Amino acid sequence: MAGTVTFTPQEADYLAANRALFASHPLRRWAFWLFIVGAILAVADFTSRMVLSGATALEALNDGAVLILFAALCAVLPWIVTRSFPRQIRTMMRQNRALAGPIECTWDEVGVQFTASNGEIRLKWSDLHRWFSDGHGFVFLQTDRMMNILPRRVLSAAQALDLEEIARRHGPKPG
């Protein structure tokens, strides 16, 4: 079944989409595992310096400071990246006023189409790089960084279910 909805995107819609995209990004997973590896190496280094060389705790900490800083950086890297999202989105919406205007979204068995004041884009399901949905809405990615969003707040439960079923049937594997 086909559907159509018209909405005016809000900063919160783009923010939620960017946070969801980042949460699924490999960088976030790599940062977590680098933190784990860095923490294990820091503990092992600290322990070996104290046991094998007889260093005091302060000397061992000073010698292992680089590993400790590396582990700490990996732990806070995702937080640092996501803190810049609100500013980036405000800038994006200020620079491209069409993003803040009404957008009509239509979907059917062939693809999804977005029509705004500055033009339209028709994306065949087979042309999407990937797509996903969460509690905030749908994100359709043409590349890793080029996306169109459809906030869930503008869809009825039936429309959201219909769009998700069509996208699962005809689009790339969600994720």
N, C-alpha and C. Protein backbone atom coordinates (compact mmCIF):
# COMPACT_ATOMS: atom_id res chain seq x y z
N MET A 1 0.85 -1.18 0.00
CA MET A 1 0.00 0.00 0.00
C MET A 1 0.89 1.24 0.00
N ALA A 2 0.50 2.27 -0.70
CA ALA A 2 1.25 3.51 -0.78
C ALA A 2 0.77 4.47 0.30
N GLY A 3 1.61 5.42 0.64
CA GLY A 3 1.23 6.40 1.64
C GLY A 3 1.88 7.74 1.35
N THR A 4 1.29 8.79 1.89
CA THR A 4 1.80 10.15 1.74
C THR A 4 1.61 10.88 3.06
N VAL A 5 2.60 11.69 3.39
CA VAL A 5 2.50 12.52 4.58
C VAL A 5 3.29 13.80 4.32
N THR A 6 2.81 14.92 4.84
CA THR A 6 3.51 16.19 4.73
C THR A 6 3.91 16.62 6.13
N PHE A 7 5.14 17.07 6.27
CA PHE A 7 5.63 17.44 7.59
C PHE A 7 6.63 18.58 7.47
N THR A 8 6.84 19.27 8.57
CA THR A 8 7.88 20.28 8.66
C THR A 8 8.91 19.76 9.66
N PRO A 9 10.11 19.46 9.17
CA PRO A 9 11.12 18.90 10.07
C PRO A 9 11.54 19.90 11.14
N GLN A 10 11.88 19.37 12.29
CA GLN A 10 12.37 20.17 13.40
C GLN A 10 13.81 19.78 13.70
N GLU A 11 14.51 20.66 14.40
CA GLU A 11 15.89 20.34 14.77
C GLU A 11 15.95 19.01 15.51
N ALA A 12 14.97 18.77 16.37
CA ALA A 12 14.96 17.54 17.16
C ALA A 12 14.88 16.30 16.26
N ASP A 13 14.22 16.40 15.11
CA ASP A 13 14.13 15.27 14.18
C ASP A 13 15.50 14.94 13.60
N TYR A 14 16.22 15.97 13.17
CA TYR A 14 17.56 15.75 12.61
C TYR A 14 18.53 15.28 13.70
N LEU A 15 18.37 15.83 14.90
CA LEU A 15 19.24 15.44 16.01
C LEU A 15 19.04 13.96 16.34
N ALA A 16 17.79 13.53 16.43
CA ALA A 16 17.51 12.12 16.73
C ALA A 16 18.04 11.21 15.63
N ALA A 17 17.89 11.61 14.37
CA ALA A 17 18.38 10.80 13.26
C ALA A 17 19.90 10.69 13.28
N ASN A 18 20.58 11.80 13.56
CA ASN A 18 22.05 11.78 13.62
C ASN A 18 22.56 10.96 14.80
N ARG A 19 21.89 11.06 15.92
CA ARG A 19 22.31 10.25 17.08
C ARG A 19 22.08 8.76 16.81
N ALA A 20 20.96 8.42 16.19
CA ALA A 20 20.70 7.02 15.86
C ALA A 20 21.71 6.51 14.84
N LEU A 21 22.04 7.34 13.87
CA LEU A 21 23.03 6.95 12.88
C LEU A 21 24.39 6.74 13.53
N PHE A 22 24.78 7.64 14.43
CA PHE A 22 26.06 7.50 15.11
C PHE A 22 26.09 6.26 16.00
N ALA A 23 24.96 5.97 16.65
CA ALA A 23 24.91 4.80 17.53
C ALA A 23 25.15 3.51 16.75
N SER A 24 24.78 3.51 15.48
CA SER A 24 24.98 2.30 14.66
C SER A 24 26.30 2.34 13.89
N HIS A 25 27.06 3.41 14.06
CA HIS A 25 28.29 3.59 13.29
C HIS A 25 29.43 2.74 13.88
N PRO A 26 30.27 2.17 13.02
CA PRO A 26 31.40 1.35 13.51
C PRO A 26 32.35 2.11 14.43
N LEU A 27 32.51 3.43 14.25
CA LEU A 27 33.40 4.21 15.11
C LEU A 27 33.03 4.05 16.58
N ARG A 28 31.73 4.05 16.83
CA ARG A 28 31.29 3.94 18.22
C ARG A 28 31.67 2.58 18.79
N ARG A 29 31.48 1.53 18.01
CA ARG A 29 31.85 0.20 18.48
C ARG A 29 33.36 0.08 18.64
N TRP A 30 34.12 0.66 17.69
CA TRP A 30 35.57 0.62 17.78
C TRP A 30 36.05 1.36 19.01
N ALA A 31 35.44 2.50 19.31
CA ALA A 31 35.85 3.28 20.48
C ALA A 31 35.65 2.46 21.76
N PHE A 32 34.55 1.74 21.83
CA PHE A 32 34.28 0.90 23.00
C PHE A 32 35.35 -0.17 23.15
N TRP A 33 35.64 -0.88 22.05
CA TRP A 33 36.62 -1.97 22.14
C TRP A 33 38.04 -1.44 22.35
N LEU A 34 38.35 -0.28 21.78
CA LEU A 34 39.65 0.33 22.04
C LEU A 34 39.79 0.72 23.51
N PHE A 35 38.70 1.20 24.09
CA PHE A 35 38.70 1.51 25.52
C PHE A 35 38.97 0.25 26.34
N ILE A 36 38.28 -0.82 26.03
CA ILE A 36 38.46 -2.09 26.76
C ILE A 36 39.91 -2.57 26.64
N VAL A 37 40.43 -2.60 25.41
CA VAL A 37 41.81 -3.05 25.19
C VAL A 37 42.79 -2.11 25.89
N GLY A 38 42.57 -0.80 25.77
CA GLY A 38 43.45 0.16 26.42
C GLY A 38 43.42 0.02 27.94
N ALA A 39 42.24 -0.21 28.51
CA ALA A 39 42.14 -0.39 29.96
C ALA A 39 42.85 -1.66 30.40
N ILE A 40 42.68 -2.74 29.65
CA ILE A 40 43.36 -4.00 29.99
C ILE A 40 44.87 -3.82 29.90
N LEU A 41 45.33 -3.17 28.83
CA LEU A 41 46.77 -2.94 28.69
C LEU A 41 47.31 -2.03 29.80
N ALA A 42 46.53 -1.02 30.18
CA ALA A 42 46.97 -0.11 31.24
C ALA A 42 47.09 -0.86 32.57
N VAL A 43 46.11 -1.70 32.88
CA VAL A 43 46.16 -2.48 34.13
C VAL A 43 47.32 -3.46 34.09
N ALA A 44 47.49 -4.14 32.94
CA ALA A 44 48.59 -5.10 32.81
C ALA A 44 49.94 -4.40 32.93
N ASP A 45 50.06 -3.24 32.29
CA ASP A 45 51.30 -2.48 32.35
C ASP A 45 51.59 -2.02 33.78
N PHE A 46 50.57 -1.50 34.44
CA PHE A 46 50.70 -1.03 35.82
C PHE A 46 51.13 -2.18 36.73
N THR A 47 50.46 -3.31 36.59
CA THR A 47 50.76 -4.47 37.43
C THR A 47 52.17 -4.99 37.16
N SER A 48 52.53 -5.12 35.90
CA SER A 48 53.86 -5.65 35.58
C SER A 48 54.97 -4.72 36.06
N ARG A 49 54.76 -3.42 35.97
CA ARG A 49 55.78 -2.48 36.45
C ARG A 49 55.96 -2.58 37.96
N MET A 50 54.87 -2.77 38.67
CA MET A 50 54.98 -2.88 40.12
C MET A 50 55.58 -4.22 40.53
N VAL A 51 55.14 -5.30 39.89
CA VAL A 51 55.60 -6.63 40.29
C VAL A 51 57.01 -6.91 39.78
N LEU A 52 57.24 -6.68 38.50
CA LEU A 52 58.52 -7.06 37.89
C LEU A 52 59.66 -6.10 38.21
N SER A 53 59.38 -4.83 38.19
CA SER A 53 60.48 -3.87 38.39
C SER A 53 60.51 -3.31 39.79
N GLY A 54 59.52 -3.62 40.59
CA GLY A 54 59.51 -3.12 41.96
C GLY A 54 59.22 -1.63 42.06
N ALA A 55 58.62 -1.07 41.04
CA ALA A 55 58.30 0.36 41.05
C ALA A 55 57.18 0.64 42.04
N THR A 56 57.18 1.85 42.56
CA THR A 56 56.08 2.25 43.44
C THR A 56 54.84 2.49 42.57
N ALA A 57 53.70 2.59 43.21
CA ALA A 57 52.45 2.80 42.48
C ALA A 57 52.50 4.10 41.67
N LEU A 58 53.08 5.14 42.24
CA LEU A 58 53.16 6.43 41.55
C LEU A 58 54.08 6.34 40.33
N GLU A 59 55.20 5.66 40.46
CA GLU A 59 56.10 5.49 39.32
C GLU A 59 55.44 4.67 38.22
N ALA A 60 54.73 3.62 38.60
CA ALA A 60 54.05 2.78 37.61
C ALA A 60 52.94 3.56 36.91
N LEU A 61 52.23 4.39 37.66
CA LEU A 61 51.18 5.22 37.05
C LEU A 61 51.78 6.23 36.09
N ASN A 62 52.86 6.87 36.46
CA ASN A 62 53.52 7.84 35.58
C ASN A 62 54.00 7.17 34.30
N ASP A 63 54.58 5.97 34.42
CA ASP A 63 55.07 5.27 33.24
C ASP A 63 53.93 4.81 32.33
N GLY A 64 52.78 4.49 32.90
CA GLY A 64 51.65 3.99 32.11
C GLY A 64 50.64 5.06 31.76
N ALA A 65 51.01 6.33 31.95
CA ALA A 65 50.07 7.43 31.73
C ALA A 65 49.55 7.47 30.29
N VAL A 66 50.38 7.13 29.32
CA VAL A 66 49.95 7.19 27.92
C VAL A 66 48.81 6.20 27.68
N LEU A 67 48.94 5.00 28.20
CA LEU A 67 47.88 4.00 28.02
C LEU A 67 46.60 4.43 28.73
N ILE A 68 46.76 5.00 29.91
CA ILE A 68 45.59 5.47 30.66
C ILE A 68 44.89 6.58 29.89
N LEU A 69 45.65 7.52 29.35
CA LEU A 69 45.06 8.61 28.56
C LEU A 69 44.40 8.09 27.29
N PHE A 70 45.01 7.10 26.65
CA PHE A 70 44.43 6.49 25.46
C PHE A 70 43.09 5.85 25.78
N ALA A 71 43.03 5.08 26.87
CA ALA A 71 41.78 4.44 27.27
C ALA A 71 40.72 5.48 27.60
N ALA A 72 41.11 6.54 28.29
CA ALA A 72 40.16 7.60 28.65
C ALA A 72 39.64 8.30 27.39
N LEU A 73 40.52 8.57 26.44
CA LEU A 73 40.09 9.22 25.20
C LEU A 73 39.10 8.35 24.45
N CYS A 74 39.36 7.07 24.35
CA CYS A 74 38.44 6.15 23.67
C CYS A 74 37.10 6.10 24.37
N ALA A 75 37.11 6.24 25.69
CA ALA A 75 35.86 6.20 26.45
C ALA A 75 35.01 7.45 26.21
N VAL A 76 35.65 8.61 26.07
CA VAL A 76 34.89 9.85 25.93
C VAL A 76 34.70 10.28 24.48
N LEU A 77 35.36 9.62 23.54
CA LEU A 77 35.26 10.01 22.13
C LEU A 77 33.81 10.05 21.62
N PRO A 78 33.01 9.01 21.84
CA PRO A 78 31.61 9.09 21.37
C PRO A 78 30.85 10.26 22.00
N TRP A 79 31.10 10.54 23.25
CA TRP A 79 30.43 11.65 23.92
C TRP A 79 30.85 12.97 23.29
N ILE A 80 32.14 13.13 23.00
CA ILE A 80 32.63 14.36 22.39
C ILE A 80 31.99 14.57 21.01
N VAL A 81 31.93 13.51 20.22
CA VAL A 81 31.36 13.61 18.87
C VAL A 81 29.89 14.01 18.92
N THR A 82 29.11 13.37 19.78
CA THR A 82 27.67 13.66 19.81
C THR A 82 27.35 15.02 20.42
N ARG A 83 28.24 15.60 21.19
CA ARG A 83 28.01 16.93 21.75
C ARG A 83 27.99 18.00 20.66
N SER A 84 28.64 17.74 19.54
CA SER A 84 28.68 18.74 18.46
C SER A 84 27.46 18.67 17.56
N PHE A 85 26.64 17.64 17.68
CA PHE A 85 25.49 17.49 16.78
C PHE A 85 24.51 18.67 16.82
N PRO A 86 24.08 19.15 17.99
CA PRO A 86 23.10 20.25 17.97
C PRO A 86 23.60 21.48 17.21
N ARG A 87 24.86 21.86 17.42
CA ARG A 87 25.42 23.01 16.72
C ARG A 87 25.47 22.75 15.22
N GLN A 88 25.89 21.56 14.81
CA GLN A 88 25.96 21.22 13.39
C GLN A 88 24.57 21.27 12.75
N ILE A 89 23.57 20.81 13.46
CA ILE A 89 22.21 20.78 12.90
C ILE A 89 21.64 22.19 12.80
N ARG A 90 21.88 23.02 13.80
CA ARG A 90 21.43 24.42 13.70
C ARG A 90 22.08 25.10 12.50
N THR A 91 23.37 24.86 12.30
CA THR A 91 24.09 25.45 11.16
C THR A 91 23.51 24.92 9.86
N MET A 92 23.27 23.62 9.78
CA MET A 92 22.72 23.01 8.56
C MET A 92 21.36 23.62 8.22
N MET A 93 20.50 23.79 9.22
CA MET A 93 19.16 24.32 8.96
C MET A 93 19.21 25.81 8.62
N ARG A 94 20.18 26.53 9.17
CA ARG A 94 20.33 27.95 8.83
C ARG A 94 20.85 28.11 7.40
N GLN A 95 21.77 27.24 7.00
CA GLN A 95 22.37 27.34 5.67
C GLN A 95 21.44 26.83 4.57
N ASN A 96 20.58 25.87 4.86
CA ASN A 96 19.67 25.31 3.87
C ASN A 96 18.24 25.46 4.38
N ARG A 97 17.64 26.59 4.08
CA ARG A 97 16.30 26.91 4.61
C ARG A 97 15.23 25.93 4.13
N ALA A 98 15.47 25.27 3.01
CA ALA A 98 14.48 24.30 2.53
C ALA A 98 14.32 23.14 3.50
N LEU A 99 15.33 22.86 4.31
CA LEU A 99 15.24 21.79 5.30
C LEU A 99 14.24 22.12 6.40
N ALA A 100 13.98 23.40 6.60
CA ALA A 100 13.06 23.81 7.65
C ALA A 100 11.65 24.05 7.13
N GLY A 101 11.45 23.87 5.83
CA GLY A 101 10.13 24.07 5.24
C GLY A 101 9.36 22.76 5.12
N PRO A 102 8.13 22.85 4.66
CA PRO A 102 7.32 21.65 4.52
C PRO A 102 7.91 20.66 3.49
N ILE A 103 7.84 19.40 3.84
CA ILE A 103 8.33 18.33 2.97
C ILE A 103 7.21 17.30 2.85
N GLU A 104 6.96 16.89 1.62
CA GLU A 104 5.98 15.83 1.40
C GLU A 104 6.75 14.54 1.14
N CYS A 105 6.38 13.49 1.84
CA CYS A 105 7.01 12.19 1.65
C CYS A 105 5.96 11.21 1.16
N THR A 106 6.28 10.53 0.08
CA THR A 106 5.40 9.52 -0.50
C THR A 106 6.19 8.23 -0.63
N TRP A 107 5.59 7.12 -0.30
CA TRP A 107 6.24 5.83 -0.46
C TRP A 107 5.29 4.83 -1.10
N ASP A 108 5.88 3.90 -1.82
CA ASP A 108 5.12 2.83 -2.45
C ASP A 108 6.05 1.64 -2.67
N GLU A 109 5.62 0.68 -3.45
CA GLU A 109 6.41 -0.53 -3.67
C GLU A 109 7.70 -0.26 -4.45
N VAL A 110 7.77 0.87 -5.15
CA VAL A 110 8.93 1.20 -5.97
C VAL A 110 10.01 1.91 -5.15
N GLY A 111 9.59 2.83 -4.28
CA GLY A 111 10.56 3.59 -3.51
C GLY A 111 9.92 4.64 -2.64
N VAL A 112 10.71 5.59 -2.23
CA VAL A 112 10.26 6.68 -1.38
C VAL A 112 10.65 8.00 -2.07
N GLN A 113 9.76 8.98 -1.98
CA GLN A 113 9.98 10.27 -2.64
C GLN A 113 9.80 11.38 -1.64
N PHE A 114 10.72 12.36 -1.68
CA PHE A 114 10.64 13.54 -0.83
C PHE A 114 10.52 14.76 -1.74
N THR A 115 9.52 15.60 -1.50
CA THR A 115 9.30 16.80 -2.29
C THR A 115 9.31 18.00 -1.35
N ALA A 116 10.19 18.96 -1.65
CA ALA A 116 10.29 20.19 -0.86
C ALA A 116 10.22 21.37 -1.81
N SER A 117 10.34 22.58 -1.26
CA SER A 117 10.23 23.79 -2.08
C SER A 117 11.37 23.91 -3.09
N ASN A 118 12.50 23.28 -2.82
CA ASN A 118 13.64 23.42 -3.72
C ASN A 118 13.84 22.23 -4.65
N GLY A 119 12.93 21.28 -4.63
CA GLY A 119 13.04 20.14 -5.54
C GLY A 119 12.51 18.86 -4.95
N GLU A 120 12.77 17.80 -5.66
CA GLU A 120 12.31 16.50 -5.17
C GLU A 120 13.37 15.44 -5.46
N ILE A 121 13.28 14.38 -4.67
CA ILE A 121 14.17 13.25 -4.87
C ILE A 121 13.34 11.97 -4.77
N ARG A 122 13.55 11.11 -5.73
CA ARG A 122 12.86 9.82 -5.75
C ARG A 122 13.93 8.74 -5.56
N LEU A 123 13.81 7.99 -4.52
CA LEU A 123 14.78 6.94 -4.21
C LEU A 123 14.12 5.59 -4.39
N LYS A 124 14.64 4.82 -5.32
CA LYS A 124 14.15 3.44 -5.46
C LYS A 124 14.67 2.66 -4.26
N TRP A 125 13.91 1.69 -3.81
CA TRP A 125 14.36 0.89 -2.67
C TRP A 125 15.71 0.24 -2.96
N SER A 126 15.90 -0.19 -4.19
CA SER A 126 17.15 -0.86 -4.55
C SER A 126 18.35 0.10 -4.59
N ASP A 127 18.09 1.40 -4.68
CA ASP A 127 19.17 2.38 -4.73
C ASP A 127 19.63 2.85 -3.36
N LEU A 128 18.89 2.50 -2.32
CA LEU A 128 19.28 2.91 -0.97
C LEU A 128 20.51 2.14 -0.52
N HIS A 129 21.42 2.85 0.13
CA HIS A 129 22.58 2.21 0.73
C HIS A 129 22.12 1.37 1.93
N ARG A 130 21.29 1.99 2.78
CA ARG A 130 20.66 1.29 3.88
C ARG A 130 19.56 2.17 4.45
N TRP A 131 18.77 1.62 5.31
CA TRP A 131 17.73 2.37 5.99
C TRP A 131 17.55 1.75 7.37
N PHE A 132 16.97 2.53 8.27
CA PHE A 132 16.61 1.98 9.57
C PHE A 132 15.51 2.85 10.18
N SER A 133 14.86 2.28 11.15
CA SER A 133 13.85 3.03 11.89
C SER A 133 14.08 2.80 13.37
N ASP A 134 13.68 3.79 14.15
CA ASP A 134 13.74 3.66 15.60
C ASP A 134 12.52 4.39 16.16
N GLY A 135 12.53 4.66 17.43
CA GLY A 135 11.39 5.32 18.06
C GLY A 135 11.14 6.73 17.57
N HIS A 136 12.15 7.35 16.94
CA HIS A 136 12.00 8.73 16.47
C HIS A 136 11.59 8.83 15.01
N GLY A 137 11.86 7.80 14.22
CA GLY A 137 11.47 7.89 12.82
C GLY A 137 12.26 6.97 11.92
N PHE A 138 12.20 7.28 10.64
CA PHE A 138 12.87 6.51 9.61
C PHE A 138 14.03 7.32 9.04
N VAL A 139 15.12 6.64 8.76
CA VAL A 139 16.28 7.28 8.15
C VAL A 139 16.61 6.48 6.90
N PHE A 140 16.64 7.16 5.76
CA PHE A 140 16.95 6.53 4.47
C PHE A 140 18.29 7.07 4.01
N LEU A 141 19.28 6.19 3.91
CA LEU A 141 20.63 6.61 3.56
C LEU A 141 20.95 6.27 2.12
N GLN A 142 21.38 7.30 1.37
CA GLN A 142 21.85 7.09 0.00
C GLN A 142 23.32 6.74 0.01
N THR A 143 24.06 7.28 0.98
CA THR A 143 25.46 6.96 1.25
C THR A 143 25.58 6.93 2.77
N ASP A 144 26.79 6.73 3.27
CA ASP A 144 26.99 6.72 4.72
C ASP A 144 26.67 8.07 5.36
N ARG A 145 26.72 9.15 4.58
CA ARG A 145 26.51 10.48 5.16
C ARG A 145 25.34 11.26 4.55
N MET A 146 24.73 10.74 3.52
CA MET A 146 23.64 11.46 2.85
C MET A 146 22.32 10.78 3.17
N MET A 147 21.45 11.49 3.88
CA MET A 147 20.24 10.85 4.36
C MET A 147 19.01 11.74 4.20
N ASN A 148 17.88 11.07 4.18
CA ASN A 148 16.58 11.72 4.26
C ASN A 148 15.88 11.11 5.46
N ILE A 149 15.14 11.95 6.17
CA ILE A 149 14.47 11.46 7.38
C ILE A 149 12.96 11.62 7.26
N LEU A 150 12.27 10.78 7.98
CA LEU A 150 10.82 10.88 8.11
C LEU A 150 10.50 10.66 9.58
N PRO A 151 10.15 11.73 10.30
CA PRO A 151 9.88 11.59 11.74
C PRO A 151 8.65 10.72 12.00
N ARG A 152 8.74 9.88 13.00
CA ARG A 152 7.63 9.00 13.36
C ARG A 152 6.46 9.81 13.91
N ARG A 153 6.73 10.98 14.46
CA ARG A 153 5.67 11.80 15.05
C ARG A 153 4.62 12.23 14.03
N VAL A 154 4.95 12.23 12.73
CA VAL A 154 4.00 12.68 11.71
C VAL A 154 3.25 11.51 11.08
N LEU A 155 3.58 10.29 11.49
CA LEU A 155 2.95 9.10 10.92
C LEU A 155 1.95 8.51 11.89
N SER A 156 0.87 8.00 11.35
CA SER A 156 -0.03 7.21 12.19
C SER A 156 0.63 5.85 12.40
N ALA A 157 0.12 5.10 13.34
CA ALA A 157 0.68 3.76 13.59
C ALA A 157 0.56 2.88 12.35
N ALA A 158 -0.56 3.01 11.64
CA ALA A 158 -0.77 2.21 10.43
C ALA A 158 0.21 2.63 9.32
N GLN A 159 0.45 3.93 9.17
CA GLN A 159 1.39 4.39 8.16
C GLN A 159 2.81 3.92 8.48
N ALA A 160 3.20 4.01 9.74
CA ALA A 160 4.55 3.58 10.13
C ALA A 160 4.73 2.09 9.87
N LEU A 161 3.73 1.31 10.19
CA LEU A 161 3.79 -0.14 9.97
C LEU A 161 3.85 -0.44 8.47
N ASP A 162 3.05 0.26 7.69
CA ASP A 162 3.03 0.06 6.24
C ASP A 162 4.39 0.40 5.62
N LEU A 163 4.95 1.55 6.00
CA LEU A 163 6.25 1.96 5.47
C LEU A 163 7.33 0.96 5.86
N GLU A 164 7.31 0.52 7.08
CA GLU A 164 8.33 -0.44 7.54
C GLU A 164 8.20 -1.77 6.79
N GLU A 165 6.99 -2.23 6.58
CA GLU A 165 6.78 -3.49 5.85
C GLU A 165 7.26 -3.38 4.39
N ILE A 166 6.92 -2.27 3.75
CA ILE A 166 7.34 -2.07 2.35
C ILE A 166 8.86 -1.98 2.27
N ALA A 167 9.47 -1.21 3.17
CA ALA A 167 10.92 -1.06 3.16
C ALA A 167 11.62 -2.40 3.42
N ARG A 168 11.09 -3.18 4.34
CA ARG A 168 11.69 -4.51 4.60
C ARG A 168 11.56 -5.44 3.40
N ARG A 169 10.43 -5.35 2.72
CA ARG A 169 10.19 -6.24 1.57
C ARG A 169 11.02 -5.85 0.36
N HIS A 170 11.15 -4.55 0.10
CA HIS A 170 11.76 -4.11 -1.16
C HIS A 170 13.13 -3.44 -1.00
N GLY A 171 13.45 -2.96 0.19
CA GLY A 171 14.70 -2.24 0.39
C GLY A 171 15.84 -3.14 0.79
N PRO A 172 17.01 -2.52 0.99
CA PRO A 172 18.14 -3.29 1.50
C PRO A 172 17.86 -3.73 2.93
N LYS A 173 18.66 -4.65 3.42
CA LYS A 173 18.50 -5.11 4.78
C LYS A 173 18.63 -3.91 5.73
N PRO A 174 17.67 -3.74 6.65
CA PRO A 174 17.75 -2.58 7.55
C PRO A 174 18.95 -2.71 8.47
N GLY A 175 19.47 -1.57 8.87
CA GLY A 175 20.58 -1.60 9.81
C GLY A 175 21.52 -0.46 9.65
